[in-house]
Amino acid sequence: MSDENIVEFSRLTQRNQELEALNAELGAERAKLETERAKWETARAKWETRHAKLEARIAE
């Protein structure tokens, strides 16, 4: 391998490591957002249930 190829390989290896670290960060952030979304969906479902019960009581 020529010196230029070694330097380029080293640069690309470092960049790959940086991108893998960024990908891991984004994966963790996505997991947090998915958890938050699930909480909101649960809260919305509870609200919809309460709303339906109130509408049923009003209709009586």
C-alpha atoms as a PDB file:
ATOM      1  CA  MET A   1       0.000   0.000   0.000  1.00  0.00           C
ATOM      2  CA  SER A   2       1.333   3.423  -0.869  1.00  0.00           C
ATOM      3  CA  ASP A   3       1.598   6.131   1.755  1.00  0.00           C
ATOM      4  CA  GLU A   4      -1.285   7.992   0.106  1.00  0.00           C
ATOM      5  CA  ASN A   5      -3.466   4.907   0.301  1.00  0.00           C
ATOM      6  CA  ILE A   6      -2.552   4.367   3.943  1.00  0.00           C
ATOM      7  CA  VAL A   7      -3.434   7.975   4.774  1.00  0.00           C
ATOM      8  CA  GLU A   8      -6.720   7.721   2.874  1.00  0.00           C
ATOM      9  CA  PHE A   9      -7.564   4.406   4.527  1.00  0.00           C
ATOM     10  CA  SER A  10      -6.814   5.891   7.936  1.00  0.00           C
ATOM     11  CA  ARG A  11      -8.972   8.950   7.186  1.00  0.00           C
ATOM     12  CA  LEU A  12     -11.852   6.802   5.998  1.00  0.00           C
ATOM     13  CA  THR A  13     -11.548   4.515   9.019  1.00  0.00           C
ATOM     14  CA  GLN A  14     -11.720   7.513  11.344  1.00  0.00           C
ATOM     15  CA  ARG A  15     -14.699   8.945   9.462  1.00  0.00           C
ATOM     16  CA  ASN A  16     -16.441   5.581   9.642  1.00  0.00           C
ATOM     17  CA  GLN A  17     -15.956   5.512  13.414  1.00  0.00           C
ATOM     18  CA  GLU A  18     -17.350   9.039  13.684  1.00  0.00           C
ATOM     19  CA  LEU A  19     -20.388   8.079  11.636  1.00  0.00           C
ATOM     20  CA  GLU A  20     -20.949   4.923  13.687  1.00  0.00           C
ATOM     21  CA  ALA A  21     -20.863   7.007  16.885  1.00  0.00           C
ATOM     22  CA  LEU A  22     -23.325   9.483  15.386  1.00  0.00           C
ATOM     23  CA  ASN A  23     -25.563   6.636  14.286  1.00  0.00           C
ATOM     24  CA  ALA A  24     -25.542   5.259  17.836  1.00  0.00           C
ATOM     25  CA  GLU A  25     -26.478   8.694  19.206  1.00  0.00           C
ATOM     26  CA  LEU A  26     -29.314   9.017  16.732  1.00  0.00           C
ATOM     27  CA  GLY A  27     -30.503   5.518  17.579  1.00  0.00           C
ATOM     28  CA  ALA A  28     -30.627   6.421  21.264  1.00  0.00           C
ATOM     29  CA  GLU A  29     -32.484   9.658  20.500  1.00  0.00           C
ATOM     30  CA  ARG A  30     -34.963   7.778  18.336  1.00  0.00           C
ATOM     31  CA  ALA A  31     -35.596   5.295  21.148  1.00  0.00           C
ATOM     32  CA  LYS A  32     -36.293   8.173  23.541  1.00  0.00           C
ATOM     33  CA  LEU A  33     -38.684   9.774  21.076  1.00  0.00           C
ATOM     34  CA  GLU A  34     -40.472   6.477  20.475  1.00  0.00           C
ATOM     35  CA  THR A  35     -40.913   6.076  24.238  1.00  0.00           C
ATOM     36  CA  GLU A  36     -42.287   9.604  24.488  1.00  0.00           C
ATOM     37  CA  ARG A  37     -44.650   8.958  21.582  1.00  0.00           C
ATOM     38  CA  ALA A  38     -45.914   5.799  23.273  1.00  0.00           C
ATOM     39  CA  LYS A  39     -46.628   7.794  26.443  1.00  0.00           C
ATOM     40  CA  TRP A  40     -48.601  10.365  24.446  1.00  0.00           C
ATOM     41  CA  GLU A  41     -50.547   7.650  22.659  1.00  0.00           C
ATOM     42  CA  THR A  42     -51.424   6.073  25.999  1.00  0.00           C
ATOM     43  CA  ALA A  43     -52.549   9.426  27.371  1.00  0.00           C
ATOM     44  CA  ARG A  44     -54.616  10.070  24.245  1.00  0.00           C
ATOM     45  CA  ALA A  45     -56.278   6.647  24.518  1.00  0.00           C
ATOM     46  CA  LYS A  46     -57.170   7.347  28.155  1.00  0.00           C
ATOM     47  CA  TRP A  47     -58.603  10.726  27.177  1.00  0.00           C
ATOM     48  CA  GLU A  48     -60.651   9.168  24.382  1.00  0.00           C
ATOM     49  CA  THR A  49     -62.013   6.568  26.799  1.00  0.00           C
ATOM     50  CA  ARG A  50     -63.004   9.257  29.298  1.00  0.00           C
ATOM     51  CA  HIS A  51     -64.546  11.317  26.535  1.00  0.00           C
ATOM     52  CA  ALA A  52     -66.596   8.361  25.289  1.00  0.00           C
ATOM     53  CA  LYS A  53     -67.816   7.629  28.828  1.00  0.00           C
ATOM     54  CA  LEU A  54     -68.895  11.240  29.290  1.00  0.00           C
ATOM     55  CA  GLU A  55     -70.685  11.255  25.961  1.00  0.00           C
ATOM     56  CA  ALA A  56     -72.484   8.058  26.942  1.00  0.00           C
ATOM     57  CA  ARG A  57     -73.573   9.626  30.238  1.00  0.00           C
ATOM     58  CA  ILE A  58     -74.799  12.732  28.450  1.00  0.00           C
ATOM     59  CA  ALA A  59     -76.749  10.605  25.985  1.00  0.00           C
ATOM     60  CA  GLU A  60     -78.591   8.806  28.801  1.00  0.00           C
END
